[in-house]
N, C-alpha and C. Protein backbone atom coordinates (compact mmCIF):
# COMPACT_ATOMS: atom_id res chain seq x y z
N MET A 1 0.64 -1.34 -0.14
CA MET A 1 0.04 -0.17 -0.07
C MET A 1 0.74 1.10 0.01
N ALA A 2 0.54 2.35 -0.97
CA ALA A 2 1.14 3.73 -0.87
C ALA A 2 1.14 4.44 0.21
N LEU A 3 2.12 5.01 0.78
CA LEU A 3 1.94 5.94 1.96
C LEU A 3 1.78 7.14 0.98
N ILE A 4 0.95 8.00 1.72
CA ILE A 4 0.54 9.18 1.10
C ILE A 4 1.18 10.46 2.18
N ARG A 5 2.37 11.03 1.34
CA ARG A 5 3.77 11.46 2.02
C ARG A 5 3.43 13.33 1.64
N ALA A 6 3.44 14.21 2.75
CA ALA A 6 3.56 15.75 2.20
C ALA A 6 5.09 15.74 2.49
N GLN A 7 6.02 16.03 1.52
CA GLN A 7 7.37 16.46 1.99
C GLN A 7 7.54 17.86 1.50
N LEU A 8 7.91 18.84 2.11
CA LEU A 8 7.95 20.25 1.66
C LEU A 8 8.85 21.33 2.66
N ALA A 9 9.32 22.29 2.10
CA ALA A 9 10.26 23.06 2.80
C ALA A 9 9.31 24.07 3.44
N VAL A 10 9.80 24.48 4.59
CA VAL A 10 9.07 25.60 5.57
C VAL A 10 9.89 26.28 6.21
N SER A 11 9.75 27.47 6.43
CA SER A 11 10.46 28.42 7.16
C SER A 11 10.71 28.13 8.61
N VAL A 12 11.65 28.60 9.38
CA VAL A 12 11.29 28.76 10.89
C VAL A 12 10.15 29.20 11.38
N ASP A 13 9.71 30.07 10.40
CA ASP A 13 8.42 30.92 11.08
C ASP A 13 7.39 30.28 10.43
N GLY A 14 7.38 29.05 9.79
CA GLY A 14 6.21 28.59 9.41
C GLY A 14 5.57 28.98 8.11
N ARG A 15 6.44 29.62 6.96
CA ARG A 15 6.00 30.23 5.82
C ARG A 15 6.57 29.01 4.98
N ILE A 16 5.58 28.84 3.52
CA ILE A 16 6.00 28.37 2.53
C ILE A 16 6.37 29.07 1.25
N ALA A 17 6.03 30.21 1.02
CA ALA A 17 6.37 31.21 0.30
C ALA A 17 6.23 32.65 1.25
N ASP A 18 6.68 33.50 0.19
CA ASP A 18 6.83 34.94 0.82
C ASP A 18 5.70 35.65 0.65
N ALA A 19 5.35 37.11 0.49
CA ALA A 19 3.96 37.50 0.45
C ALA A 19 3.27 37.51 -0.67
N ARG A 20 4.18 37.46 -1.91
CA ARG A 20 4.05 37.32 -3.10
C ARG A 20 4.00 36.07 -3.89
N GLY A 21 3.95 35.12 -3.16
CA GLY A 21 3.86 33.34 -3.60
C GLY A 21 5.48 33.10 -3.90
N GLY A 22 6.51 33.88 -3.71
CA GLY A 22 7.70 33.66 -3.96
C GLY A 22 8.37 32.54 -3.12
N VAL A 23 9.58 31.91 -3.77
CA VAL A 23 10.39 30.68 -2.84
C VAL A 23 11.78 31.02 -3.20
N GLY A 24 12.14 32.38 -3.52
CA GLY A 24 13.51 32.65 -3.88
C GLY A 24 14.53 32.48 -2.29
N TRP A 25 13.56 32.77 -1.06
CA TRP A 25 14.52 32.34 0.23
C TRP A 25 14.99 31.10 -0.09
N LEU A 26 14.31 29.78 -1.05
CA LEU A 26 15.09 28.55 -0.83
C LEU A 26 16.55 28.42 -1.55
N GLU A 27 16.81 29.33 -2.48
CA GLU A 27 17.77 29.22 -3.28
C GLU A 27 19.13 28.92 -2.53
N PRO A 28 19.36 29.30 -1.49
CA PRO A 28 20.81 28.99 -0.74
C PRO A 28 20.30 27.33 -0.33
N PHE A 29 19.45 26.90 -0.36
CA PHE A 29 19.25 25.32 0.06
C PHE A 29 18.81 24.49 -0.91
N PRO A 30 19.72 24.37 -1.82
CA PRO A 30 19.19 23.16 -3.33
C PRO A 30 18.74 22.03 -2.85
N ALA A 31 17.40 21.95 -3.41
CA ALA A 31 17.07 20.14 -3.09
C ALA A 31 17.57 18.96 -3.23
N GLU A 32 18.64 19.29 -4.04
CA GLU A 32 19.48 18.14 -4.17
C GLU A 32 20.35 17.89 -2.86
N ASP A 33 20.73 18.80 -1.64
CA ASP A 33 21.18 18.67 -0.66
C ASP A 33 20.22 18.25 -0.05
N PHE A 34 18.84 17.52 -0.28
CA PHE A 34 17.69 16.99 0.75
C PHE A 34 17.61 15.43 0.14
N GLY A 35 18.43 15.30 -0.95
CA GLY A 35 18.04 13.84 -1.41
C GLY A 35 16.77 13.72 -2.14
N LEU A 36 16.62 15.16 -2.85
CA LEU A 36 15.39 15.24 -3.33
C LEU A 36 14.90 13.95 -4.53
N GLN A 37 16.19 13.63 -5.32
CA GLN A 37 16.27 12.81 -6.42
C GLN A 37 15.58 11.17 -5.96
N GLU A 38 16.36 10.92 -4.81
CA GLU A 38 16.07 9.33 -4.07
C GLU A 38 14.55 9.64 -3.75
N PHE A 39 13.94 10.69 -3.25
CA PHE A 39 12.79 10.84 -2.77
C PHE A 39 11.93 10.68 -3.88
N LEU A 40 12.07 11.42 -5.03
CA LEU A 40 11.36 11.08 -6.19
C LEU A 40 11.30 9.71 -6.67
N ASN A 41 12.55 9.20 -6.50
CA ASN A 41 12.70 7.63 -7.25
C ASN A 41 11.72 6.57 -6.65
N GLY A 42 11.07 6.81 -5.35
CA GLY A 42 10.26 5.98 -4.68
C GLY A 42 8.93 6.50 -4.79
N ILE A 43 8.65 7.59 -5.41
CA ILE A 43 7.21 8.31 -5.81
C ILE A 43 6.44 7.72 -7.23
N GLY A 44 5.47 7.51 -7.06
CA GLY A 44 4.57 6.90 -8.19
C GLY A 44 3.43 8.02 -8.67
N THR A 45 3.16 8.75 -7.71
CA THR A 45 1.96 9.39 -7.93
C THR A 45 2.01 11.17 -7.26
N LEU A 46 1.80 12.09 -7.88
CA LEU A 46 1.86 13.31 -7.17
C LEU A 46 0.31 13.79 -7.13
N VAL A 47 -0.06 14.43 -5.88
CA VAL A 47 -1.09 15.26 -5.88
C VAL A 47 -1.10 16.82 -5.28
N MET A 48 -1.24 17.71 -6.12
CA MET A 48 -0.86 18.84 -5.76
C MET A 48 -2.15 19.96 -5.98
N GLY A 49 -2.26 21.51 -5.62
CA GLY A 49 -3.41 22.18 -5.53
C GLY A 49 -2.78 22.92 -7.10
N ARG A 50 -3.93 23.66 -7.42
CA ARG A 50 -3.93 24.36 -8.57
C ARG A 50 -2.90 25.41 -8.90
N ALA A 51 -2.79 26.26 -7.61
CA ALA A 51 -1.75 27.26 -7.66
C ALA A 51 -0.27 26.64 -7.72
N THR A 52 -0.13 25.64 -7.09
CA THR A 52 0.96 24.79 -7.29
C THR A 52 1.49 24.62 -8.65
N TYR A 53 0.40 23.59 -9.14
CA TYR A 53 0.66 23.40 -10.73
C TYR A 53 0.78 24.47 -11.56
N ASP A 54 0.20 25.64 -11.41
CA ASP A 54 0.59 26.87 -12.36
C ASP A 54 1.82 27.40 -12.04
N GLN A 55 2.02 27.42 -10.70
CA GLN A 55 3.79 27.65 -10.80
C GLN A 55 4.45 26.86 -11.54
N MET A 56 4.33 25.75 -11.47
CA MET A 56 5.35 24.43 -11.78
C MET A 56 5.39 25.08 -13.37
N GLN A 57 4.05 25.18 -14.12
CA GLN A 57 3.95 25.47 -15.54
C GLN A 57 4.76 26.62 -15.90
N GLY A 58 4.78 27.60 -15.03
CA GLY A 58 5.81 28.62 -15.33
C GLY A 58 7.50 28.58 -15.20
N PHE A 59 7.55 27.66 -14.63
CA PHE A 59 9.12 27.02 -14.57
C PHE A 59 9.76 26.79 -15.76
N GLY A 60 8.94 26.28 -16.89
CA GLY A 60 9.48 25.62 -17.92
C GLY A 60 9.01 24.29 -18.11
N PRO A 61 9.80 23.29 -18.73
CA PRO A 61 9.09 22.22 -19.06
C PRO A 61 8.76 21.53 -17.69
N TRP A 62 8.09 20.32 -17.83
CA TRP A 62 6.88 19.66 -16.61
C TRP A 62 8.08 18.77 -15.87
N PRO A 63 8.39 19.23 -14.84
CA PRO A 63 9.63 18.36 -14.28
C PRO A 63 9.49 17.15 -13.79
N HIS A 64 8.16 16.56 -13.83
CA HIS A 64 7.77 15.22 -13.29
C HIS A 64 7.74 14.27 -14.39
N GLY A 65 8.19 14.44 -15.64
CA GLY A 65 7.75 13.27 -16.80
C GLY A 65 6.61 12.99 -16.84
N LYS A 66 6.45 11.46 -17.04
CA LYS A 66 5.01 11.39 -17.17
C LYS A 66 4.37 10.49 -15.69
N LYS A 67 4.70 11.19 -14.70
CA LYS A 67 4.39 10.60 -13.48
C LYS A 67 2.74 10.83 -13.14
N HIS A 68 2.00 10.07 -12.86
CA HIS A 68 0.87 10.28 -12.73
C HIS A 68 0.51 11.75 -11.46
N THR A 69 -0.09 12.54 -12.04
CA THR A 69 -0.36 13.83 -11.06
C THR A 69 -1.79 14.18 -11.04
N LEU A 70 -2.04 14.34 -9.84
CA LEU A 70 -3.51 14.59 -9.64
C LEU A 70 -3.80 16.40 -9.14
N VAL A 71 -4.44 17.11 -9.99
CA VAL A 71 -4.36 18.54 -9.73
C VAL A 71 -5.75 18.77 -9.25
N LEU A 72 -6.07 19.17 -7.86
CA LEU A 72 -7.06 19.59 -7.42
C LEU A 72 -7.45 20.82 -7.36
N THR A 73 -8.74 21.02 -8.43
CA THR A 73 -9.14 21.98 -9.30
C THR A 73 -10.32 22.11 -9.58
N THR A 74 -11.27 23.04 -9.83
CA THR A 74 -12.47 23.23 -10.03
C THR A 74 -12.25 23.73 -11.69
N ARG A 75 -11.35 24.19 -11.97
CA ARG A 75 -11.15 24.38 -13.42
C ARG A 75 -10.42 23.76 -14.36
N ALA A 76 -10.66 23.99 -15.55
CA ALA A 76 -9.95 22.83 -16.52
C ALA A 76 -8.79 23.17 -16.70
N LEU A 77 -7.73 22.29 -16.98
CA LEU A 77 -6.36 22.28 -16.90
C LEU A 77 -5.71 22.78 -18.37
N GLY A 78 -6.57 22.90 -19.52
CA GLY A 78 -6.11 23.41 -20.75
C GLY A 78 -5.39 22.11 -21.25
N SER A 79 -4.21 22.53 -21.70
CA SER A 79 -3.11 21.47 -22.23
C SER A 79 -1.82 20.76 -21.50
N ALA A 80 -2.37 19.98 -20.74
CA ALA A 80 -1.72 19.81 -19.43
C ALA A 80 -0.94 18.57 -20.04
N PRO A 81 0.22 18.60 -19.39
CA PRO A 81 1.72 17.35 -19.51
C PRO A 81 1.02 15.87 -19.69
N ALA A 82 1.58 14.84 -19.86
CA ALA A 82 1.11 13.89 -20.02
C ALA A 82 1.01 13.14 -18.64
N GLY A 83 0.19 12.59 -18.30
CA GLY A 83 0.28 11.79 -16.85
C GLY A 83 -0.62 12.87 -15.81
N VAL A 84 -1.03 14.08 -16.32
CA VAL A 84 -1.70 15.20 -15.45
C VAL A 84 -3.35 15.02 -15.62
N GLU A 85 -3.96 15.04 -14.52
CA GLU A 85 -5.32 14.95 -14.67
C GLU A 85 -5.83 16.05 -13.34
N ALA A 86 -6.95 16.67 -13.95
CA ALA A 86 -7.63 17.32 -12.59
C ALA A 86 -8.53 16.50 -11.90
N VAL A 87 -8.52 16.91 -10.57
CA VAL A 87 -9.75 16.35 -9.87
C VAL A 87 -10.53 17.39 -9.05
N ARG A 88 -11.72 17.00 -8.85
CA ARG A 88 -12.43 18.14 -8.14
C ARG A 88 -12.28 17.77 -6.47
N PRO A 89 -12.12 18.97 -5.99
CA PRO A 89 -11.90 18.55 -4.66
C PRO A 89 -12.85 17.87 -3.74
N VAL A 90 -14.14 18.04 -4.30
CA VAL A 90 -15.30 17.16 -3.80
C VAL A 90 -15.10 15.73 -4.25
N ASP A 91 -14.39 15.57 -5.19
CA ASP A 91 -14.04 13.83 -5.50
C ASP A 91 -12.89 13.22 -4.54
N LEU A 92 -12.41 14.09 -3.89
CA LEU A 92 -11.22 13.96 -3.22
C LEU A 92 -10.97 12.30 -2.73
N GLY A 93 -12.09 12.33 -2.12
CA GLY A 93 -12.25 11.02 -1.08
C GLY A 93 -12.62 9.79 -2.00
N ALA A 94 -12.75 9.83 -3.06
CA ALA A 94 -12.88 8.63 -4.19
C ALA A 94 -11.31 8.62 -4.45
N ALA A 95 -10.86 9.81 -5.00
CA ALA A 95 -9.30 9.67 -5.30
C ALA A 95 -8.50 8.93 -4.69
N VAL A 96 -8.43 9.46 -3.03
CA VAL A 96 -7.86 9.04 -2.13
C VAL A 96 -7.67 7.35 -2.27
N ALA A 97 -9.08 6.86 -2.11
CA ALA A 97 -9.17 5.44 -2.42
C ALA A 97 -8.26 5.03 -3.24
N VAL A 98 -8.22 5.52 -4.39
CA VAL A 98 -7.64 4.48 -5.54
C VAL A 98 -6.17 5.10 -5.21
N LEU A 99 -5.56 6.18 -4.67
CA LEU A 99 -4.12 6.45 -4.28
C LEU A 99 -3.70 5.43 -3.46
N ARG A 100 -4.34 5.15 -2.12
CA ARG A 100 -3.87 4.04 -1.20
C ARG A 100 -3.61 2.97 -1.79
N GLY A 101 -4.41 2.41 -3.16
CA GLY A 101 -3.98 1.06 -3.71
C GLY A 101 -2.82 1.42 -4.76
N GLU A 102 -2.30 2.59 -4.91
CA GLU A 102 -1.08 2.44 -5.73
C GLU A 102 -0.08 1.55 -5.56
N THR A 103 0.60 1.06 -6.46
CA THR A 103 1.67 0.02 -6.28
C THR A 103 2.96 0.43 -7.10
N GLY A 104 2.91 1.53 -7.73
CA GLY A 104 3.92 2.29 -8.26
C GLY A 104 4.91 3.03 -7.54
N GLY A 105 4.96 3.01 -6.38
CA GLY A 105 5.30 4.05 -5.20
C GLY A 105 4.55 4.62 -4.64
N ASP A 106 5.31 5.83 -3.70
CA ASP A 106 4.25 6.56 -2.84
C ASP A 106 3.56 7.60 -3.49
N VAL A 107 2.93 8.12 -2.59
CA VAL A 107 2.24 9.53 -3.16
C VAL A 107 2.46 10.76 -2.56
N TRP A 108 2.91 11.94 -3.30
CA TRP A 108 3.42 12.70 -2.85
C TRP A 108 2.82 14.22 -2.79
N VAL A 109 2.13 14.55 -1.67
CA VAL A 109 1.39 15.61 -1.66
C VAL A 109 2.42 17.05 -1.91
N VAL A 110 2.10 17.59 -3.10
CA VAL A 110 3.03 18.83 -3.14
C VAL A 110 2.23 19.95 -3.11
N GLY A 111 2.70 20.95 -2.25
CA GLY A 111 1.56 22.16 -2.72
C GLY A 111 1.47 22.80 -1.16
N GLY A 112 0.37 23.46 -1.26
CA GLY A 112 0.31 24.45 -0.33
C GLY A 112 -0.98 24.29 0.71
N GLN A 113 -1.39 25.37 1.54
CA GLN A 113 -1.80 24.74 2.69
C GLN A 113 -3.42 24.34 2.51
N ARG A 114 -4.26 24.80 1.18
CA ARG A 114 -5.37 24.39 0.84
C ARG A 114 -5.21 22.74 0.51
N THR A 115 -4.14 22.38 -0.09
CA THR A 115 -4.47 21.13 -0.48
C THR A 115 -3.95 20.15 0.61
N LEU A 116 -3.10 20.51 1.52
CA LEU A 116 -2.71 19.85 2.69
C LEU A 116 -3.98 20.10 3.76
N ALA A 117 -4.77 21.33 3.73
CA ALA A 117 -5.98 21.04 4.74
C ALA A 117 -6.97 20.27 4.17
N ALA A 118 -7.05 19.95 2.63
CA ALA A 118 -7.93 19.20 2.15
C ALA A 118 -7.54 17.75 2.23
N MET A 119 -6.26 17.44 2.41
CA MET A 119 -5.81 16.00 2.46
C MET A 119 -6.05 15.44 3.93
N LEU A 120 -5.96 16.47 4.90
CA LEU A 120 -5.98 16.17 6.21
C LEU A 120 -7.56 15.68 6.65
N ALA A 121 -8.49 16.90 6.03
CA ALA A 121 -9.71 16.67 6.29
C ALA A 121 -10.33 15.42 5.72
N ALA A 122 -9.91 14.91 4.43
CA ALA A 122 -10.29 13.70 4.16
C ALA A 122 -9.34 12.26 4.82
N ASP A 123 -8.67 12.53 5.81
CA ASP A 123 -8.13 11.60 6.39
C ASP A 123 -6.94 10.84 5.49
N ALA A 124 -6.32 11.55 4.25
CA ALA A 124 -5.77 11.24 3.35
C ALA A 124 -4.25 11.68 3.39
N LEU A 125 -3.66 12.04 4.44
CA LEU A 125 -2.29 12.01 4.78
C LEU A 125 -1.56 11.04 5.77
N ASP A 126 -0.68 10.22 5.28
CA ASP A 126 0.29 9.28 6.42
C ASP A 126 1.31 9.86 6.94
N ARG A 127 1.99 10.57 6.33
CA ARG A 127 3.36 11.34 6.44
C ARG A 127 3.38 12.82 6.36
N LEU A 128 3.78 13.81 7.48
CA LEU A 128 3.82 14.77 7.06
C LEU A 128 5.70 15.08 7.25
N GLU A 129 6.27 15.69 5.97
CA GLU A 129 7.77 15.45 6.30
C GLU A 129 8.41 17.00 5.87
N PRO A 130 8.17 17.78 7.08
CA PRO A 130 8.82 19.18 6.81
C PRO A 130 10.01 19.01 6.66
N TYR A 131 10.97 19.83 5.89
CA TYR A 131 12.19 20.41 5.95
C TYR A 131 12.22 22.07 6.56
N LEU A 132 12.78 22.03 7.72
CA LEU A 132 12.90 23.22 8.40
C LEU A 132 13.89 23.99 8.27
N ILE A 133 13.76 25.06 7.16
CA ILE A 133 14.72 25.83 6.81
C ILE A 133 15.03 27.25 7.46
N PRO A 134 16.31 27.29 8.17
CA PRO A 134 16.82 28.29 9.01
C PRO A 134 16.89 29.61 8.08
N VAL A 135 15.41 30.14 8.02
CA VAL A 135 15.13 31.42 7.41
C VAL A 135 13.98 31.98 8.11
N LEU A 136 13.67 32.97 8.50
CA LEU A 136 12.66 33.74 9.04
C LEU A 136 11.93 34.78 7.42
N VAL A 137 10.97 34.29 7.12
CA VAL A 137 10.76 34.69 5.97
C VAL A 137 9.79 36.10 6.02
N GLY A 138 9.24 36.12 7.31
CA GLY A 138 8.10 36.85 7.77
C GLY A 138 6.88 37.12 7.41
N ASP A 139 6.39 38.18 6.58
CA ASP A 139 5.18 38.11 6.04
C ASP A 139 5.25 36.97 4.75
N GLY A 140 4.26 36.31 4.85
CA GLY A 140 4.09 34.95 3.83
C GLY A 140 3.12 34.33 3.98
N ILE A 141 3.15 33.38 3.21
CA ILE A 141 2.46 32.07 3.10
C ILE A 141 2.47 31.21 4.15
N PRO A 142 1.63 31.01 5.31
CA PRO A 142 1.89 29.94 6.36
C PRO A 142 1.61 28.53 5.52
N LEU A 143 2.53 27.44 6.34
CA LEU A 143 2.15 25.95 5.97
C LEU A 143 0.52 25.67 6.12
N PHE A 144 -0.17 25.99 7.42
CA PHE A 144 -1.30 25.54 7.73
C PHE A 144 -2.18 26.83 7.60
N GLY A 145 -3.28 26.99 7.32
CA GLY A 145 -4.25 27.93 7.42
C GLY A 145 -5.17 27.63 8.35
N PRO A 146 -6.45 28.79 8.43
CA PRO A 146 -7.64 28.49 9.79
C PRO A 146 -8.29 27.23 9.33
N ASP A 147 -8.25 26.95 8.16
CA ASP A 147 -9.41 25.78 7.78
C ASP A 147 -8.53 24.24 8.35
N THR A 148 -7.29 24.40 8.84
CA THR A 148 -6.90 23.11 9.05
C THR A 148 -7.32 22.86 10.28
N LEU A 149 -7.84 21.42 10.51
CA LEU A 149 -8.38 20.55 11.30
C LEU A 149 -7.36 20.48 12.39
N PRO A 150 -7.44 20.54 13.79
CA PRO A 150 -6.62 19.96 14.93
C PRO A 150 -6.30 18.45 14.52
N ARG A 151 -4.94 18.22 14.59
CA ARG A 151 -4.57 16.61 14.18
C ARG A 151 -3.37 16.27 15.18
N ARG A 152 -3.34 15.11 15.73
CA ARG A 152 -2.37 14.75 16.44
C ARG A 152 -1.12 14.32 15.25
N LEU A 153 0.13 14.62 15.73
CA LEU A 153 1.38 13.92 14.82
C LEU A 153 2.04 13.30 16.17
N ASP A 154 2.43 12.05 15.36
CA ASP A 154 3.78 11.24 16.39
C ASP A 154 4.98 11.47 15.36
N ALA A 155 5.79 11.83 16.30
CA ALA A 155 7.14 12.05 15.76
C ALA A 155 7.73 10.54 15.43
N ILE A 156 8.50 10.17 14.08
CA ILE A 156 9.31 9.23 13.84
C ILE A 156 10.64 9.57 13.62
N HIS A 157 11.00 10.78 13.35
CA HIS A 157 12.59 11.00 12.81
C HIS A 157 12.79 12.51 12.75
N ALA A 158 13.80 12.54 12.99
CA ALA A 158 14.45 14.06 13.12
C ALA A 158 15.85 14.22 12.56
N THR A 159 16.25 14.61 11.73
CA THR A 159 17.79 14.80 11.53
C THR A 159 18.14 16.52 10.90
N THR A 160 19.31 16.69 11.51
CA THR A 160 19.90 18.18 11.19
C THR A 160 20.82 17.85 10.30
N LEU A 161 20.91 18.68 8.96
CA LEU A 161 21.57 18.51 7.98
C LEU A 161 22.88 19.49 8.00
N ALA A 162 23.82 19.57 7.55
CA ALA A 162 25.14 20.23 7.62
C ALA A 162 24.55 21.75 7.17
N THR A 163 23.54 22.20 6.63
CA THR A 163 23.38 23.29 6.04
C THR A 163 22.58 24.18 7.15
N GLY A 164 22.16 23.35 8.41
CA GLY A 164 21.23 23.62 9.27
C GLY A 164 19.86 23.67 9.12
N VAL A 165 19.60 22.79 7.96
CA VAL A 165 18.20 22.36 7.56
C VAL A 165 17.89 21.26 8.63
N VAL A 166 16.55 21.21 9.22
CA VAL A 166 16.13 20.38 9.98
C VAL A 166 15.03 19.28 9.23
N ARG A 167 15.36 18.11 8.98
CA ARG A 167 14.30 17.32 8.34
C ARG A 167 13.44 16.62 9.62
N LEU A 168 12.27 16.71 9.45
CA LEU A 168 11.10 15.80 10.44
C LEU A 168 10.19 14.94 9.88
N VAL A 169 10.11 14.07 10.51
CA VAL A 169 9.07 13.11 9.76
C VAL A 169 7.99 12.73 10.78
N TYR A 170 6.84 12.99 10.69
CA TYR A 170 5.85 12.70 11.62
C TYR A 170 5.04 11.63 10.81
N ALA A 171 4.09 10.92 11.73
CA ALA A 171 3.13 10.09 10.84
C ALA A 171 1.86 10.71 11.73
N VAL A 172 0.65 10.92 10.75
CA VAL A 172 -0.64 11.56 10.85
C VAL A 172 -1.62 10.52 11.39
N ARG A 173 -2.01 11.29 12.70
CA ARG A 173 -2.97 10.24 13.22
C ARG A 173 -4.29 10.37 12.62
């Protein structure tokens, strides 16, 4: 059974982006230093929100090849890359049942607070794996918003990297 995992970078003050949605504050901390490629090798499916999808589209060629990708959105995607499909948030429960049966690797929840809140509300998140970046962003987009339901997390692992980044792994109850 596939694990549904949210692995993401978050500033010490709990931000995933600056006030304009930018992530330039992450530039001194390359994802390669965090073992991103090894992580991606174990991922078979991605789940993301529309804002994350649109942002990735703006970075150039689709970075995830033909990996199955679900975009939570109420709008049509237009000409989406191969393997990318839209899922209405109201249909998330049915999609999660399919995701849990995936055999091609784990599921990576990529994205912002609305996507994480929706996955938590659907009891669809097994692991929360934040990389705590030693930066204070200040005014910006928080990891969790007011719609996030209270949830108990069980600590599994913590590692401090040479760059001062702390990798945390929690099981979601």
